[in-house]
């Protein structure tokens, strides 16, 4: 059975997993689902992976090719989310595995 509660500290504060935290945050704030769902994120990550394998570099948002610009802009959005502290740990990990440590500072 799924249990989102991970731990409880000595004061009784309960810690939940990232998915539950995001769900509760949206419920409390009244905001809708995040702009990009997990399937869209995975698809963009796969396109960045293919680009990196084919060209040996990351996409540039200032390129002349529109598809490269979109990928470069998407990657910059992820870097910005990481720098603001709002990128979830799962996505941070996936980007780190693909690009390497320090990916958020690249650009």
PDB file of N, CA and C in Angstrom:
ATOM      1  N   UNK A   1       0.838  -1.180   0.000  1.00  0.00           N
ATOM      2  CA  UNK A   1       0.000   0.000   0.000  1.00  0.00           C
ATOM      3  C   UNK A   1       0.888   1.250   0.000  1.00  0.00           C
ATOM      4  N   UNK A   2       0.494   2.243  -0.766  1.00  0.00           N
ATOM      5  CA  UNK A   2       1.251   3.490  -0.877  1.00  0.00           C
ATOM      6  C   UNK A   2       1.155   4.276   0.423  1.00  0.00           C
ATOM      7  N   UNK A   3       2.288   4.711   0.930  1.00  0.00           N
ATOM      8  CA  UNK A   3       2.327   5.531   2.129  1.00  0.00           C
ATOM      9  C   UNK A   3       3.219   6.728   1.846  1.00  0.00           C
ATOM     10  N   UNK A   4       2.629   7.924   1.686  1.00  0.00           N
ATOM     11  CA  UNK A   4       3.426   9.103   1.363  1.00  0.00           C
ATOM     12  C   UNK A   4       4.223   9.637   2.547  1.00  0.00           C
ATOM     13  N   UNK A   5       3.909   9.169   3.757  1.00  0.00           N
ATOM     14  CA  UNK A   5       4.597   9.661   4.937  1.00  0.00           C
ATOM     15  C   UNK A   5       5.912   8.918   5.096  1.00  0.00           C
ATOM     16  N   UNK A   6       6.998   9.677   5.161  1.00  0.00           N
ATOM     17  CA  UNK A   6       8.321   9.069   5.236  1.00  0.00           C
ATOM     18  C   UNK A   6       8.874   9.008   6.646  1.00  0.00           C
ATOM     19  N   UNK A   7       8.629  10.023   7.428  1.00  0.00           N
ATOM     20  CA  UNK A   7       9.287  10.090   8.717  1.00  0.00           C
ATOM     21  C   UNK A   7       8.522  11.058   9.605  1.00  0.00           C
ATOM     22  N   UNK A   8       8.821  10.994  10.854  1.00  0.00           N
ATOM     23  CA  UNK A   8       8.249  11.922  11.809  1.00  0.00           C
ATOM     24  C   UNK A   8       9.372  12.316  12.751  1.00  0.00           C
ATOM     25  N   UNK A   9       9.504  13.627  13.011  1.00  0.00           N
ATOM     26  CA  UNK A   9      10.578  14.031  13.906  1.00  0.00           C
ATOM     27  C   UNK A   9      10.109  14.014  15.359  1.00  0.00           C
ATOM     28  N   UNK A  10      10.994  14.410  16.275  1.00  0.00           N
ATOM     29  CA  UNK A  10      10.685  14.332  17.703  1.00  0.00           C
ATOM     30  C   UNK A  10       9.550  15.251  18.126  1.00  0.00           C
ATOM     31  N   UNK A  11       9.251  16.262  17.324  1.00  0.00           N
ATOM     32  CA  UNK A  11       8.147  17.167  17.630  1.00  0.00           C
ATOM     33  C   UNK A  11       6.840  16.739  16.970  1.00  0.00           C
ATOM     34  N   UNK A  12       6.891  15.641  16.239  1.00  0.00           N
ATOM     35  CA  UNK A  12       5.684  15.134  15.595  1.00  0.00           C
ATOM     36  C   UNK A  12       5.444  15.666  14.199  1.00  0.00           C
ATOM     37  N   UNK A  13       6.402  16.441  13.650  1.00  0.00           N
ATOM     38  CA  UNK A  13       6.250  16.928  12.279  1.00  0.00           C
ATOM     39  C   UNK A  13       6.377  15.743  11.329  1.00  0.00           C
ATOM     40  N   UNK A  14       5.497  15.695  10.366  1.00  0.00           N
ATOM     41  CA  UNK A  14       5.468  14.583   9.423  1.00  0.00           C
ATOM     42  C   UNK A  14       6.079  15.029   8.106  1.00  0.00           C
ATOM     43  N   UNK A  15       6.878  14.160   7.507  1.00  0.00           N
ATOM     44  CA  UNK A  15       7.510  14.435   6.223  1.00  0.00           C
ATOM     45  C   UNK A  15       6.857  13.561   5.166  1.00  0.00           C
ATOM     46  N   UNK A  16       6.522  14.163   4.022  1.00  0.00           N
ATOM     47  CA  UNK A  16       5.876  13.427   2.941  1.00  0.00           C
ATOM     48  C   UNK A  16       6.780  13.408   1.720  1.00  0.00           C
ATOM     49  N   UNK A  17       6.477  12.499   0.784  1.00  0.00           N
ATOM     50  CA  UNK A  17       7.290  12.420  -0.422  1.00  0.00           C
ATOM     51  C   UNK A  17       6.991  13.605  -1.349  1.00  0.00           C
ATOM     52  N   UNK A  18       7.830  13.759  -2.370  1.00  0.00           N
ATOM     53  CA  UNK A  18       7.753  14.914  -3.263  1.00  0.00           C
ATOM     54  C   UNK A  18       6.415  14.990  -4.006  1.00  0.00           C
ATOM     55  N   UNK A  19       5.915  13.876  -4.468  1.00  0.00           N
ATOM     56  CA  UNK A  19       4.651  13.878  -5.210  1.00  0.00           C
ATOM     57  C   UNK A  19       3.508  14.355  -4.323  1.00  0.00           C
ATOM     58  N   UNK A  20       3.467  13.888  -3.091  1.00  0.00           N
ATOM     59  CA  UNK A  20       2.409  14.308  -2.174  1.00  0.00           C
ATOM     60  C   UNK A  20       2.580  15.773  -1.793  1.00  0.00           C
ATOM     61  N   UNK A  21       3.815  16.210  -1.628  1.00  0.00           N
ATOM     62  CA  UNK A  21       4.055  17.615  -1.304  1.00  0.00           C
ATOM     63  C   UNK A  21       3.526  18.525  -2.410  1.00  0.00           C
ATOM     64  N   UNK A  22       3.801  18.146  -3.659  1.00  0.00           N
ATOM     65  CA  UNK A  22       3.306  18.948  -4.785  1.00  0.00           C
ATOM     66  C   UNK A  22       1.781  18.939  -4.833  1.00  0.00           C
ATOM     67  N   UNK A  23       1.195  17.777  -4.617  1.00  0.00           N
ATOM     68  CA  UNK A  23      -0.268  17.656  -4.629  1.00  0.00           C
ATOM     69  C   UNK A  23      -0.877  18.550  -3.548  1.00  0.00           C
ATOM     70  N   UNK A  24      -0.364  18.458  -2.332  1.00  0.00           N
ATOM     71  CA  UNK A  24      -0.893  19.256  -1.232  1.00  0.00           C
ATOM     72  C   UNK A  24      -0.673  20.748  -1.462  1.00  0.00           C
ATOM     73  N   UNK A  25       0.456  21.109  -2.013  1.00  0.00           N
ATOM     74  CA  UNK A  25       0.729  22.512  -2.306  1.00  0.00           C
ATOM     75  C   UNK A  25      -0.292  23.080  -3.284  1.00  0.00           C
ATOM     76  N   UNK A  26      -0.626  22.295  -4.296  1.00  0.00           N
ATOM     77  CA  UNK A  26      -1.636  22.749  -5.266  1.00  0.00           C
ATOM     78  C   UNK A  26      -3.010  22.843  -4.619  1.00  0.00           C
ATOM     79  N   UNK A  27      -3.333  21.917  -3.722  1.00  0.00           N
ATOM     80  CA  UNK A  27      -4.622  21.954  -3.044  1.00  0.00           C
ATOM     81  C   UNK A  27      -4.725  23.171  -2.134  1.00  0.00           C
ATOM     82  N   UNK A  28      -3.678  23.452  -1.394  1.00  0.00           N
ATOM     83  CA  UNK A  28      -3.681  24.572  -0.455  1.00  0.00           C
ATOM     84  C   UNK A  28      -3.690  25.906  -1.185  1.00  0.00           C
ATOM     85  N   UNK A  29      -2.882  26.022  -2.226  1.00  0.00           N
ATOM     86  CA  UNK A  29      -2.748  27.296  -2.935  1.00  0.00           C
ATOM     87  C   UNK A  29      -3.888  27.559  -3.911  1.00  0.00           C
ATOM     88  N   UNK A  30      -4.589  26.498  -4.299  1.00  0.00           N
ATOM     89  CA  UNK A  30      -5.644  26.655  -5.289  1.00  0.00           C
ATOM     90  C   UNK A  30      -5.122  26.701  -6.712  1.00  0.00           C
ATOM     91  N   UNK A  31      -3.813  26.497  -6.888  1.00  0.00           N
ATOM     92  CA  UNK A  31      -3.229  26.488  -8.226  1.00  0.00           C
ATOM     93  C   UNK A  31      -3.530  25.166  -8.911  1.00  0.00           C
ATOM     94  N   UNK A  32      -3.553  25.188 -10.204  1.00  0.00           N
ATOM     95  CA  UNK A  32      -3.773  23.968 -10.968  1.00  0.00           C
ATOM     96  C   UNK A  32      -2.535  23.115 -11.023  1.00  0.00           C
ATOM     97  N   UNK A  33      -2.588  22.107 -11.854  1.00  0.00           N
ATOM     98  CA  UNK A  33      -1.434  21.244 -12.040  1.00  0.00           C
ATOM     99  C   UNK A  33      -0.278  22.043 -12.606  1.00  0.00           C
ATOM    100  N   UNK A  34       0.953  21.556 -12.404  1.00  0.00           N
ATOM    101  CA  UNK A  34       2.102  22.266 -12.953  1.00  0.00           C
ATOM    102  C   UNK A  34       1.984  22.402 -14.467  1.00  0.00           C
ATOM    103  N   UNK A  35       2.668  23.397 -15.007  1.00  0.00           N
ATOM    104  CA  UNK A  35       2.578  23.647 -16.445  1.00  0.00           C
ATOM    105  C   UNK A  35       3.025  22.455 -17.267  1.00  0.00           C
ATOM    106  N   UNK A  36       3.937  21.699 -16.775  1.00  0.00           N
ATOM    107  CA  UNK A  36       4.444  20.572 -17.552  1.00  0.00           C
ATOM    108  C   UNK A  36       4.296  19.299 -16.737  1.00  0.00           C
ATOM    109  N   UNK A  37       3.541  18.347 -17.271  1.00  0.00           N
ATOM    110  CA  UNK A  37       3.375  17.098 -16.539  1.00  0.00           C
ATOM    111  C   UNK A  37       4.588  16.192 -16.747  1.00  0.00           C
ATOM    112  N   UNK A  38       4.580  15.079 -16.040  1.00  0.00           N
ATOM    113  CA  UNK A  38       5.733  14.178 -16.078  1.00  0.00           C
ATOM    114  C   UNK A  38       5.989  13.595 -17.468  1.00  0.00           C
ATOM    115  N   UNK A  39       4.935  13.302 -18.223  1.00  0.00           N
ATOM    116  CA  UNK A  39       5.109  12.756 -19.569  1.00  0.00           C
ATOM    117  C   UNK A  39       5.756  13.781 -20.496  1.00  0.00           C
ATOM    118  N   UNK A  40       5.335  15.033 -20.402  1.00  0.00           N
ATOM    119  CA  UNK A  40       5.929  16.090 -21.224  1.00  0.00           C
ATOM    120  C   UNK A  40       7.393  16.308 -20.847  1.00  0.00           C
ATOM    121  N   UNK A  41       7.672  16.276 -19.547  1.00  0.00           N
ATOM    122  CA  UNK A  41       9.058  16.423 -19.090  1.00  0.00           C
ATOM    123  C   UNK A  41       9.910  15.301 -19.655  1.00  0.00           C
ATOM    124  N   UNK A  42       9.421  14.063 -19.553  1.00  0.00           N
ATOM    125  CA  UNK A  42      10.170  12.899 -20.045  1.00  0.00           C
ATOM    126  C   UNK A  42      10.419  13.008 -21.547  1.00  0.00           C
ATOM    127  N   UNK A  43       9.427  13.489 -22.302  1.00  0.00           N
ATOM    128  CA  UNK A  43       9.582  13.637 -23.751  1.00  0.00           C
ATOM    129  C   UNK A  43      10.649  14.684 -24.079  1.00  0.00           C
ATOM    130  N   UNK A  44      10.635  15.803 -23.365  1.00  0.00           N
ATOM    131  CA  UNK A  44      11.654  16.841 -23.600  1.00  0.00           C
ATOM    132  C   UNK A  44      13.035  16.335 -23.207  1.00  0.00           C
ATOM    133  N   UNK A  45      13.101  15.619 -22.097  1.00  0.00           N
ATOM    134  CA  UNK A  45      14.383  15.066 -21.657  1.00  0.00           C
ATOM    135  C   UNK A  45      14.932  14.092 -22.698  1.00  0.00           C
ATOM    136  N   UNK A  46      14.061  13.297 -23.285  1.00  0.00           N
ATOM    137  CA  UNK A  46      14.471  12.351 -24.330  1.00  0.00           C
ATOM    138  C   UNK A  46      14.976  13.091 -25.567  1.00  0.00           C
ATOM    139  N   UNK A  47      14.327  14.197 -25.929  1.00  0.00           N
ATOM    140  CA  UNK A  47      14.782  14.981 -27.082  1.00  0.00           C
ATOM    141  C   UNK A  47      16.148  15.621 -26.810  1.00  0.00           C
ATOM    142  N   UNK A  48      16.354  16.093 -25.580  1.00  0.00           N
ATOM    143  CA  UNK A  48      17.670  16.643 -25.222  1.00  0.00           C
ATOM    144  C   UNK A  48      18.719  15.535 -25.288  1.00  0.00           C
ATOM    145  N   UNK A  49      18.371  14.350 -24.814  1.00  0.00           N
ATOM    146  CA  UNK A  49      19.294  13.216 -24.857  1.00  0.00           C
ATOM    147  C   UNK A  49      19.687  12.886 -26.294  1.00  0.00           C
ATOM    148  N   UNK A  50      18.707  12.841 -27.182  1.00  0.00           N
ATOM    149  CA  UNK A  50      18.980  12.573 -28.593  1.00  0.00           C
ATOM    150  C   UNK A  50      19.835  13.651 -29.230  1.00  0.00           C
ATOM    151  N   UNK A  51      19.547  14.898 -28.894  1.00  0.00           N
ATOM    152  CA  UNK A  51      20.326  16.021 -29.415  1.00  0.00           C
ATOM    153  C   UNK A  51      21.772  15.914 -28.952  1.00  0.00           C
ATOM    154  N   UNK A  52      21.951  15.647 -27.671  1.00  0.00           N
ATOM    155  CA  UNK A  52      23.288  15.526 -27.093  1.00  0.00           C
ATOM    156  C   UNK A  52      24.071  14.372 -27.729  1.00  0.00           C
ATOM    157  N   UNK A  53      23.399  13.245 -27.948  1.00  0.00           N
ATOM    158  CA  UNK A  53      24.058  12.086 -28.562  1.00  0.00           C
ATOM    159  C   UNK A  53      24.445  12.373 -30.012  1.00  0.00           C
ATOM    160  N   UNK A  54      23.585  13.073 -30.709  1.00  0.00           N
ATOM    161  CA  UNK A  54      23.830  13.343 -32.135  1.00  0.00           C
ATOM    162  C   UNK A  54      24.865  14.441 -32.355  1.00  0.00           C
ATOM    163  N   UNK A  55      24.785  15.497 -31.558  1.00  0.00           N
ATOM    164  CA  UNK A  55      25.639  16.667 -31.811  1.00  0.00           C
ATOM    165  C   UNK A  55      26.772  16.848 -30.812  1.00  0.00           C
ATOM    166  N   UNK A  56      26.737  16.098 -29.724  1.00  0.00           N
ATOM    167  CA  UNK A  56      27.816  16.182 -28.749  1.00  0.00           C
ATOM    168  C   UNK A  56      27.834  17.460 -27.930  1.00  0.00           C
ATOM    169  N   UNK A  57      26.723  18.147 -27.898  1.00  0.00           N
ATOM    170  CA  UNK A  57      26.621  19.387 -27.127  1.00  0.00           C
ATOM    171  C   UNK A  57      25.161  19.601 -26.744  1.00  0.00           C
ATOM    172  N   UNK A  58      24.936  20.536 -25.848  1.00  0.00           N
ATOM    173  CA  UNK A  58      23.569  20.859 -25.437  1.00  0.00           C
ATOM    174  C   UNK A  58      22.932  21.809 -26.445  1.00  0.00           C
ATOM    175  N   UNK A  59      21.612  21.797 -26.538  1.00  0.00           N
ATOM    176  CA  UNK A  59      20.934  22.723 -27.448  1.00  0.00           C
ATOM    177  C   UNK A  59      21.099  24.174 -26.995  1.00  0.00           C
ATOM    178  N   UNK A  60      21.159  25.053 -27.973  1.00  0.00           N
ATOM    179  CA  UNK A  60      21.375  26.485 -27.724  1.00  0.00           C
ATOM    180  C   UNK A  60      20.089  27.240 -28.035  1.00  0.00           C
ATOM    181  N   UNK A  61      19.603  27.994 -27.087  1.00  0.00           N
ATOM    182  CA  UNK A  61      18.349  28.735 -27.305  1.00  0.00           C
ATOM    183  C   UNK A  61      18.519  29.903 -28.271  1.00  0.00           C
ATOM    184  N   UNK A  62      19.760  30.206 -28.650  1.00  0.00           N
ATOM    185  CA  UNK A  62      20.011  31.285 -29.598  1.00  0.00           C
ATOM    186  C   UNK A  62      20.429  30.749 -30.966  1.00  0.00           C
ATOM    187  N   UNK A  63      20.173  29.471 -31.212  1.00  0.00           N
ATOM    188  CA  UNK A  63      20.513  28.849 -32.501  1.00  0.00           C
ATOM    189  C   UNK A  63      19.557  29.339 -33.585  1.00  0.00           C
ATOM    190  N   UNK A  64      19.852  28.983 -34.829  1.00  0.00           N
ATOM    191  CA  UNK A  64      18.968  29.353 -35.938  1.00  0.00           C
ATOM    192  C   UNK A  64      17.896  28.300 -36.195  1.00  0.00           C
ATOM    193  N   UNK A  65      18.131  27.069 -35.753  1.00  0.00           N
ATOM    194  CA  UNK A  65      17.168  25.985 -35.926  1.00  0.00           C
ATOM    195  C   UNK A  65      16.073  26.095 -34.852  1.00  0.00           C
ATOM    196  N   UNK A  66      14.807  26.269 -35.258  1.00  0.00           N
ATOM    197  CA  UNK A  66      13.717  26.447 -34.280  1.00  0.00           C
ATOM    198  C   UNK A  66      13.571  25.304 -33.279  1.00  0.00           C
ATOM    199  N   UNK A  67      13.796  24.070 -33.704  1.00  0.00           N
ATOM    200  CA  UNK A  67      13.663  22.956 -32.758  1.00  0.00           C
ATOM    201  C   UNK A  67      14.781  22.992 -31.707  1.00  0.00           C
ATOM    202  N   UNK A  68      15.974  23.416 -32.120  1.00  0.00           N
ATOM    203  CA  UNK A  68      17.061  23.558 -31.153  1.00  0.00           C
ATOM    204  C   UNK A  68      16.759  24.697 -30.192  1.00  0.00           C
ATOM    205  N   UNK A  69      16.197  25.776 -30.706  1.00  0.00           N
ATOM    206  CA  UNK A  69      15.832  26.912 -29.850  1.00  0.00           C
ATOM    207  C   UNK A  69      14.833  26.469 -28.784  1.00  0.00           C
ATOM    208  N   UNK A  70      13.822  25.685 -29.186  1.00  0.00           N
ATOM    209  CA  UNK A  70      12.822  25.202 -28.223  1.00  0.00           C
ATOM    210  C   UNK A  70      13.467  24.335 -27.149  1.00  0.00           C
ATOM    211  N   UNK A  71      14.361  23.429 -27.555  1.00  0.00           N
ATOM    212  CA  UNK A  71      15.044  22.574 -26.575  1.00  0.00           C
ATOM    213  C   UNK A  71      15.954  23.391 -25.659  1.00  0.00           C
ATOM    214  N   UNK A  72      16.663  24.333 -26.241  1.00  0.00           N
ATOM    215  CA  UNK A  72      17.537  25.190 -25.440  1.00  0.00           C
ATOM    216  C   UNK A  72      16.746  26.030 -24.447  1.00  0.00           C
ATOM    217  N   UNK A  73      15.599  26.533 -24.878  1.00  0.00           N
ATOM    218  CA  UNK A  73      14.737  27.316 -23.991  1.00  0.00           C
ATOM    219  C   UNK A  73      14.162  26.444 -22.883  1.00  0.00           C
ATOM    220  N   UNK A  74      13.765  25.213 -23.243  1.00  0.00           N
ATOM    221  CA  UNK A  74      13.248  24.287 -22.238  1.00  0.00           C
ATOM    222  C   UNK A  74      14.320  23.996 -21.191  1.00  0.00           C
ATOM    223  N   UNK A  75      15.525  23.742 -21.646  1.00  0.00           N
ATOM    224  CA  UNK A  75      16.619  23.454 -20.721  1.00  0.00           C
ATOM    225  C   UNK A  75      16.903  24.661 -19.828  1.00  0.00           C
ATOM    226  N   UNK A  76      16.873  25.851 -20.393  1.00  0.00           N
ATOM    227  CA  UNK A  76      17.087  27.054 -19.590  1.00  0.00           C
ATOM    228  C   UNK A  76      15.977  27.212 -18.548  1.00  0.00           C
ATOM    229  N   UNK A  77      14.747  26.862 -18.917  1.00  0.00           N
ATOM    230  CA  UNK A  77      13.639  26.910 -17.954  1.00  0.00           C
ATOM    231  C   UNK A  77      13.896  25.961 -16.783  1.00  0.00           C
ATOM    232  N   UNK A  78      14.451  24.780 -17.072  1.00  0.00           N
ATOM    233  CA  UNK A  78      14.762  23.818 -16.011  1.00  0.00           C
ATOM    234  C   UNK A  78      15.882  24.359 -15.119  1.00  0.00           C
ATOM    235  N   UNK A  79      16.887  24.981 -15.735  1.00  0.00           N
ATOM    236  CA  UNK A  79      17.984  25.575 -14.969  1.00  0.00           C
ATOM    237  C   UNK A  79      17.452  26.684 -14.059  1.00  0.00           C
ATOM    238  N   UNK A  80      16.571  27.496 -14.595  1.00  0.00           N
ATOM    239  CA  UNK A  80      15.985  28.584 -13.819  1.00  0.00           C
ATOM    240  C   UNK A  80      15.167  28.036 -12.648  1.00  0.00           C
ATOM    241  N   UNK A  81      14.379  26.992 -12.905  1.00  0.00           N
ATOM    242  CA  UNK A  81      13.589  26.370 -11.830  1.00  0.00           C
ATOM    243  C   UNK A  81      14.507  25.820 -10.746  1.00  0.00           C
ATOM    244  N   UNK A  82      15.607  25.208 -11.141  1.00  0.00           N
ATOM    245  CA  UNK A  82      16.569  24.675 -10.173  1.00  0.00           C
ATOM    246  C   UNK A  82      17.184  25.804  -9.354  1.00  0.00           C
ATOM    247  N   UNK A  83      17.557  26.890  -9.995  1.00  0.00           N
ATOM    248  CA  UNK A  83      18.182  28.008  -9.290  1.00  0.00           C
ATOM    249  C   UNK A  83      17.209  28.694  -8.341  1.00  0.00           C
ATOM    250  N   UNK A  84      15.918  28.666  -8.669  1.00  0.00           N
ATOM    251  CA  UNK A  84      14.894  29.232  -7.780  1.00  0.00           C
ATOM    252  C   UNK A  84      14.488  28.256  -6.686  1.00  0.00           C
ATOM    253  N   UNK A  85      14.956  27.017  -6.791  1.00  0.00           N
ATOM    254  CA  UNK A  85      14.643  26.007  -5.782  1.00  0.00           C
ATOM    255  C   UNK A  85      13.279  25.372  -5.935  1.00  0.00           C
ATOM    256  N   UNK A  86      12.709  25.410  -7.145  1.00  0.00           N
ATOM    257  CA  UNK A  86      11.373  24.849  -7.342  1.00  0.00           C
ATOM    258  C   UNK A  86      11.349  23.611  -8.234  1.00  0.00           C
ATOM    259  N   UNK A  87      12.501  23.157  -8.674  1.00  0.00           N
ATOM    260  CA  UNK A  87      12.568  21.941  -9.485  1.00  0.00           C
ATOM    261  C   UNK A  87      12.562  20.741  -8.543  1.00  0.00           C
ATOM    262  N   UNK A  88      11.662  19.792  -8.784  1.00  0.00           N
ATOM    263  CA  UNK A  88      11.571  18.655  -7.871  1.00  0.00           C
ATOM    264  C   UNK A  88      12.828  17.779  -7.976  1.00  0.00           C
ATOM    265  N   UNK A  89      13.085  17.054  -6.915  1.00  0.00           N
ATOM    266  CA  UNK A  89      14.323  16.268  -6.823  1.00  0.00           C
ATOM    267  C   UNK A  89      14.410  15.199  -7.906  1.00  0.00           C
ATOM    268  N   UNK A  90      13.288  14.624  -8.302  1.00  0.00           N
ATOM    269  CA  UNK A  90      13.309  13.592  -9.349  1.00  0.00           C
ATOM    270  C   UNK A  90      13.773  14.173 -10.683  1.00  0.00           C
ATOM    271  N   UNK A  91      13.248  15.332 -11.037  1.00  0.00           N
ATOM    272  CA  UNK A  91      13.651  15.968 -12.297  1.00  0.00           C
ATOM    273  C   UNK A  91      15.098  16.441 -12.224  1.00  0.00           C
ATOM    274  N   UNK A  92      15.500  16.973 -11.085  1.00  0.00           N
ATOM    275  CA  UNK A  92      16.889  17.395 -10.893  1.00  0.00           C
ATOM    276  C   UNK A  92      17.822  16.211 -11.112  1.00  0.00           C
ATOM    277  N   UNK A  93      17.465  15.082 -10.548  1.00  0.00           N
ATOM    278  CA  UNK A  93      18.280  13.872 -10.677  1.00  0.00           C
ATOM    279  C   UNK A  93      18.357  13.400 -12.127  1.00  0.00           C
ATOM    280  N   UNK A  94      17.226  13.410 -12.821  1.00  0.00           N
ATOM    281  CA  UNK A  94      17.206  12.969 -14.222  1.00  0.00           C
ATOM    282  C   UNK A  94      18.073  13.869 -15.092  1.00  0.00           C
ATOM    283  N   UNK A  95      17.995  15.165 -14.879  1.00  0.00           N
ATOM    284  CA  UNK A  95      18.824  16.095 -15.649  1.00  0.00           C
ATOM    285  C   UNK A  95      20.296  15.912 -15.310  1.00  0.00           C
ATOM    286  N   UNK A  96      20.596  15.689 -14.037  1.00  0.00           N
ATOM    287  CA  UNK A  96      21.976  15.461 -13.617  1.00  0.00           C
ATOM    288  C   UNK A  96      22.562  14.197 -14.219  1.00  0.00           C
ATOM    289  N   UNK A  97      21.745  13.148 -14.302  1.00  0.00           N
ATOM    290  CA  UNK A  97      22.221  11.893 -14.899  1.00  0.00           C
ATOM    291  C   UNK A  97      22.501  12.060 -16.388  1.00  0.00           C
ATOM    292  N   UNK A  98      21.668  12.827 -17.063  1.00  0.00           N
ATOM    293  CA  UNK A  98      21.840  13.010 -18.510  1.00  0.00           C
ATOM    294  C   UNK A  98      23.003  13.944 -18.835  1.00  0.00           C
ATOM    295  N   UNK A  99      23.041  15.086 -18.154  1.00  0.00           N
ATOM    296  CA  UNK A  99      23.989  16.144 -18.523  1.00  0.00           C
ATOM    297  C   UNK A  99      25.249  16.121 -17.663  1.00  0.00           C
ATOM    298  N   UNK A 100      25.091  15.736 -16.419  1.00  0.00           N
ATOM    299  CA  UNK A 100      26.225  15.705 -15.501  1.00  0.00           C
ATOM    300  C   UNK A 100      26.055  16.681 -14.377  1.00  0.00           C
ATOM    301  N   UNK A 101      26.902  16.553 -13.362  1.00  0.00           N
ATOM    302  CA  UNK A 101      26.820  17.476 -12.228  1.00  0.00           C
ATOM    303  C   UNK A 101      27.084  18.905 -12.677  1.00  0.00           C
ATOM    304  N   UNK A 102      26.435  19.804 -12.039  1.00  0.00           N
ATOM    305  CA  UNK A 102      26.608  21.213 -12.395  1.00  0.00           C
ATOM    306  C   UNK A 102      25.794  21.650 -13.596  1.00  0.00           C
ATOM    307  N   UNK A 103      24.858  20.799 -14.033  1.00  0.00           N
ATOM    308  CA  UNK A 103      24.063  21.112 -15.237  1.00  0.00           C
ATOM    309  C   UNK A 103      23.313  22.423 -15.105  1.00  0.00           C
ATOM    310  N   UNK A 104      22.891  22.792 -13.901  1.00  0.00           N
ATOM    311  CA  UNK A 104      22.090  23.997 -13.728  1.00  0.00           C
ATOM    312  C   UNK A 104      22.912  25.267 -13.929  1.00  0.00           C
ATOM    313  N   UNK A 105      24.226  25.161 -13.812  1.00  0.00           N
ATOM    314  CA  UNK A 105      25.082  26.329 -13.980  1.00  0.00           C
ATOM    315  C   UNK A 105      25.564  26.511 -15.410  1.00  0.00           C
ATOM    316  N   UNK A 106      25.299  25.517 -16.265  1.00  0.00           N
ATOM    317  CA  UNK A 106      25.745  25.598 -17.650  1.00  0.00           C
ATOM    318  C   UNK A 106      24.908  26.620 -18.400  1.00  0.00           C
ATOM    319  N   UNK A 107      25.458  27.178 -19.443  1.00  0.00           N
ATOM    320  CA  UNK A 107      24.628  28.044 -20.249  1.00  0.00           C
ATOM    321  C   UNK A 107      25.366  29.214 -20.732  1.00  0.00           C
TER     322      UNK A 107
END
